[in-house]
Amino acid sequence: MVETLVPTVLIIAICLALLSVKVLFKRKGAFRSQHIHDSAAMRKLGIHCVIDQDREARLGAEKTEMIRNRIKNKTE
């Protein structure tokens, strides 16, 4: 068991070190945001995160409901 545990921990440590090179050695280094709303390419394609899509759908539903109520009030 130790024969597999030591190499596994060593590989994971090397991977973490390589992933953090930019953060450790570059002034003001940071990981890039992985959120969809922070990606210029996604915004260019018109792709939004689920929170933005939900907000747009709710606003659209509210506008539709307001129009239905106006039409209903006019017919009465």
N, C-alpha and C. Protein backbone atom coordinates (compact mmCIF):
# COMPACT_ATOMS: atom_id res chain seq x y z
N MET A 1 0.83 -1.19 0.00
CA MET A 1 0.00 0.00 0.00
C MET A 1 0.87 1.25 0.00
N VAL A 2 1.94 1.24 0.77
CA VAL A 2 2.84 2.39 0.84
C VAL A 2 3.50 2.62 -0.51
N GLU A 3 3.72 1.52 -1.28
CA GLU A 3 4.35 1.64 -2.59
C GLU A 3 3.51 2.45 -3.56
N THR A 4 2.21 2.46 -3.41
CA THR A 4 1.35 3.25 -4.29
C THR A 4 0.99 4.60 -3.68
N LEU A 5 0.96 4.68 -2.37
CA LEU A 5 0.59 5.93 -1.71
C LEU A 5 1.65 7.02 -1.89
N VAL A 6 2.90 6.66 -1.73
CA VAL A 6 3.98 7.65 -1.84
C VAL A 6 4.06 8.24 -3.24
N PRO A 7 4.08 7.44 -4.31
CA PRO A 7 4.11 8.04 -5.65
C PRO A 7 2.86 8.88 -5.95
N THR A 8 1.71 8.44 -5.45
CA THR A 8 0.48 9.19 -5.68
C THR A 8 0.55 10.56 -5.03
N VAL A 9 0.97 10.61 -3.79
CA VAL A 9 1.11 11.89 -3.08
C VAL A 9 2.15 12.76 -3.78
N LEU A 10 3.23 12.16 -4.25
CA LEU A 10 4.28 12.90 -4.95
C LEU A 10 3.75 13.49 -6.26
N ILE A 11 3.00 12.73 -7.00
CA ILE A 11 2.42 13.22 -8.26
C ILE A 11 1.45 14.36 -7.99
N ILE A 12 0.62 14.23 -7.00
CA ILE A 12 -0.33 15.29 -6.66
C ILE A 12 0.41 16.55 -6.22
N ALA A 13 1.47 16.42 -5.44
CA ALA A 13 2.24 17.58 -5.00
C ALA A 13 2.89 18.27 -6.19
N ILE A 14 3.42 17.52 -7.13
CA ILE A 14 4.03 18.11 -8.33
C ILE A 14 2.98 18.84 -9.15
N CYS A 15 1.82 18.25 -9.31
CA CYS A 15 0.74 18.89 -10.07
C CYS A 15 0.31 20.20 -9.42
N LEU A 16 0.15 20.20 -8.13
CA LEU A 16 -0.23 21.43 -7.43
C LEU A 16 0.84 22.50 -7.56
N ALA A 17 2.10 22.11 -7.49
CA ALA A 17 3.19 23.07 -7.64
C ALA A 17 3.19 23.66 -9.04
N LEU A 18 2.98 22.84 -10.06
CA LEU A 18 2.95 23.35 -11.43
C LEU A 18 1.74 24.26 -11.67
N LEU A 19 0.61 23.93 -11.06
CA LEU A 19 -0.58 24.77 -11.22
C LEU A 19 -0.41 26.14 -10.56
N SER A 20 0.40 26.22 -9.53
CA SER A 20 0.53 27.47 -8.79
C SER A 20 1.75 28.29 -9.21
N VAL A 21 2.46 27.89 -10.27
CA VAL A 21 3.65 28.63 -10.70
C VAL A 21 3.31 30.09 -11.01
N LYS A 22 2.27 30.32 -11.77
CA LYS A 22 1.89 31.68 -12.14
C LYS A 22 1.54 32.52 -10.92
N VAL A 23 0.84 31.94 -10.00
CA VAL A 23 0.42 32.68 -8.80
C VAL A 23 1.62 33.00 -7.92
N LEU A 24 2.54 32.08 -7.80
CA LEU A 24 3.67 32.27 -6.89
C LEU A 24 4.76 33.18 -7.45
N PHE A 25 5.05 33.07 -8.74
CA PHE A 25 6.22 33.75 -9.29
C PHE A 25 5.92 35.00 -10.10
N LYS A 26 4.68 35.29 -10.40
CA LYS A 26 4.33 36.49 -11.14
C LYS A 26 3.79 37.53 -10.17
N ARG A 27 4.25 38.77 -10.33
CA ARG A 27 3.74 39.84 -9.48
C ARG A 27 2.25 40.03 -9.76
N LYS A 28 1.47 40.09 -8.73
CA LYS A 28 0.01 40.18 -8.81
C LYS A 28 -0.58 39.01 -9.60
N GLY A 29 0.05 37.87 -9.50
CA GLY A 29 -0.45 36.69 -10.20
C GLY A 29 -1.71 36.16 -9.54
N ALA A 30 -2.61 35.66 -10.35
CA ALA A 30 -3.86 35.10 -9.84
C ALA A 30 -4.41 34.11 -10.85
N PHE A 31 -5.25 33.22 -10.37
CA PHE A 31 -5.93 32.31 -11.28
C PHE A 31 -7.02 33.08 -12.00
N ARG A 32 -7.23 32.74 -13.25
CA ARG A 32 -8.31 33.38 -14.01
C ARG A 32 -9.66 32.88 -13.50
N SER A 33 -10.65 33.73 -13.64
CA SER A 33 -11.99 33.34 -13.23
C SER A 33 -12.53 32.28 -14.19
N GLN A 34 -13.19 31.29 -13.68
CA GLN A 34 -13.75 30.22 -14.49
C GLN A 34 -15.26 30.38 -14.70
N HIS A 35 -15.81 31.52 -14.28
CA HIS A 35 -17.24 31.75 -14.43
C HIS A 35 -17.57 32.14 -15.86
N ILE A 36 -18.71 31.73 -16.32
CA ILE A 36 -19.11 32.01 -17.69
C ILE A 36 -19.27 33.51 -17.92
N HIS A 37 -19.80 34.23 -16.94
CA HIS A 37 -20.04 35.66 -17.15
C HIS A 37 -18.75 36.47 -17.22
N ASP A 38 -17.61 35.90 -16.85
CA ASP A 38 -16.33 36.59 -16.94
C ASP A 38 -15.59 36.30 -18.24
N SER A 39 -16.12 35.46 -19.08
CA SER A 39 -15.47 35.07 -20.32
C SER A 39 -15.95 35.94 -21.48
N ALA A 40 -15.02 36.64 -22.12
CA ALA A 40 -15.38 37.50 -23.25
C ALA A 40 -15.91 36.68 -24.42
N ALA A 41 -15.34 35.51 -24.64
CA ALA A 41 -15.80 34.66 -25.75
C ALA A 41 -17.25 34.21 -25.54
N MET A 42 -17.60 33.86 -24.31
CA MET A 42 -18.97 33.44 -24.03
C MET A 42 -19.94 34.61 -24.19
N ARG A 43 -19.53 35.79 -23.72
CA ARG A 43 -20.40 36.97 -23.88
C ARG A 43 -20.60 37.29 -25.35
N LYS A 44 -19.54 37.14 -26.14
CA LYS A 44 -19.63 37.41 -27.58
C LYS A 44 -20.62 36.47 -28.25
N LEU A 45 -20.67 35.23 -27.80
CA LEU A 45 -21.61 34.25 -28.34
C LEU A 45 -23.01 34.40 -27.77
N GLY A 46 -23.17 35.26 -26.76
CA GLY A 46 -24.47 35.47 -26.15
C GLY A 46 -24.83 34.41 -25.12
N ILE A 47 -23.83 33.71 -24.60
CA ILE A 47 -24.06 32.67 -23.61
C ILE A 47 -23.93 33.29 -22.23
N HIS A 48 -24.93 33.10 -21.39
CA HIS A 48 -24.94 33.66 -20.04
C HIS A 48 -24.91 32.54 -19.02
N CYS A 49 -24.61 32.90 -17.79
CA CYS A 49 -24.68 31.91 -16.71
C CYS A 49 -26.15 31.70 -16.35
N VAL A 50 -26.42 30.65 -15.63
CA VAL A 50 -27.79 30.29 -15.31
C VAL A 50 -28.48 31.35 -14.46
N ILE A 51 -27.73 32.06 -13.64
CA ILE A 51 -28.32 33.11 -12.80
C ILE A 51 -28.84 34.25 -13.67
N ASP A 52 -28.04 34.66 -14.67
CA ASP A 52 -28.49 35.71 -15.58
C ASP A 52 -29.68 35.25 -16.42
N GLN A 53 -29.64 34.01 -16.89
CA GLN A 53 -30.75 33.49 -17.67
C GLN A 53 -32.03 33.44 -16.84
N ASP A 54 -31.91 33.06 -15.59
CA ASP A 54 -33.08 33.01 -14.71
C ASP A 54 -33.64 34.41 -14.50
N ARG A 55 -32.77 35.38 -14.27
CA ARG A 55 -33.21 36.76 -14.07
C ARG A 55 -33.95 37.27 -15.32
N GLU A 56 -33.39 37.00 -16.51
CA GLU A 56 -34.03 37.43 -17.75
C GLU A 56 -35.39 36.76 -17.92
N ALA A 57 -35.48 35.49 -17.60
CA ALA A 57 -36.75 34.77 -17.73
C ALA A 57 -37.79 35.33 -16.77
N ARG A 58 -37.37 35.64 -15.55
CA ARG A 58 -38.32 36.19 -14.58
C ARG A 58 -38.82 37.57 -15.01
N LEU A 59 -37.92 38.41 -15.53
CA LEU A 59 -38.34 39.72 -16.00
C LEU A 59 -39.29 39.59 -17.19
N GLY A 60 -38.99 38.65 -18.08
CA GLY A 60 -39.87 38.41 -19.22
C GLY A 60 -41.23 37.93 -18.78
N ALA A 61 -41.28 37.07 -17.77
CA ALA A 61 -42.55 36.56 -17.26
C ALA A 61 -43.35 37.68 -16.59
N GLU A 62 -42.66 38.56 -15.87
CA GLU A 62 -43.35 39.69 -15.22
C GLU A 62 -43.94 40.62 -16.27
N LYS A 63 -43.21 40.91 -17.33
CA LYS A 63 -43.72 41.78 -18.40
C LYS A 63 -44.92 41.14 -19.09
N THR A 64 -44.84 39.83 -19.33
CA THR A 64 -45.95 39.12 -19.96
C THR A 64 -47.18 39.16 -19.07
N GLU A 65 -47.00 38.98 -17.78
CA GLU A 65 -48.12 39.03 -16.85
C GLU A 65 -48.76 40.42 -16.81
N MET A 66 -47.93 41.45 -16.85
CA MET A 66 -48.45 42.82 -16.85
C MET A 66 -49.28 43.07 -18.11
N ILE A 67 -48.82 42.60 -19.24
CA ILE A 67 -49.56 42.78 -20.50
C ILE A 67 -50.88 42.02 -20.44
N ARG A 68 -50.86 40.81 -19.92
CA ARG A 68 -52.09 40.03 -19.80
C ARG A 68 -53.10 40.73 -18.89
N ASN A 69 -52.62 41.29 -17.79
CA ASN A 69 -53.52 42.00 -16.88
C ASN A 69 -54.12 43.23 -17.54
N ARG A 70 -53.34 43.96 -18.32
CA ARG A 70 -53.87 45.15 -19.02
C ARG A 70 -54.94 44.76 -20.02
N ILE A 71 -54.68 43.69 -20.78
CA ILE A 71 -55.65 43.23 -21.76
C ILE A 71 -56.92 42.76 -21.05
N LYS A 72 -56.76 42.05 -19.96
CA LYS A 72 -57.90 41.55 -19.20
C LYS A 72 -58.73 42.71 -18.65
N ASN A 73 -58.06 43.76 -18.14
CA ASN A 73 -58.77 44.91 -17.59
C ASN A 73 -59.51 45.70 -18.67
N LYS A 74 -58.97 45.75 -19.88
CA LYS A 74 -59.62 46.47 -20.97
C LYS A 74 -60.87 45.77 -21.45
N THR A 75 -60.85 44.45 -21.42
CA THR A 75 -62.01 43.68 -21.91
C THR A 75 -63.14 43.65 -20.89
N GLU A 76 -62.86 43.95 -19.64
CA GLU A 76 -63.91 43.90 -18.62
C GLU A 76 -64.71 45.13 -18.58
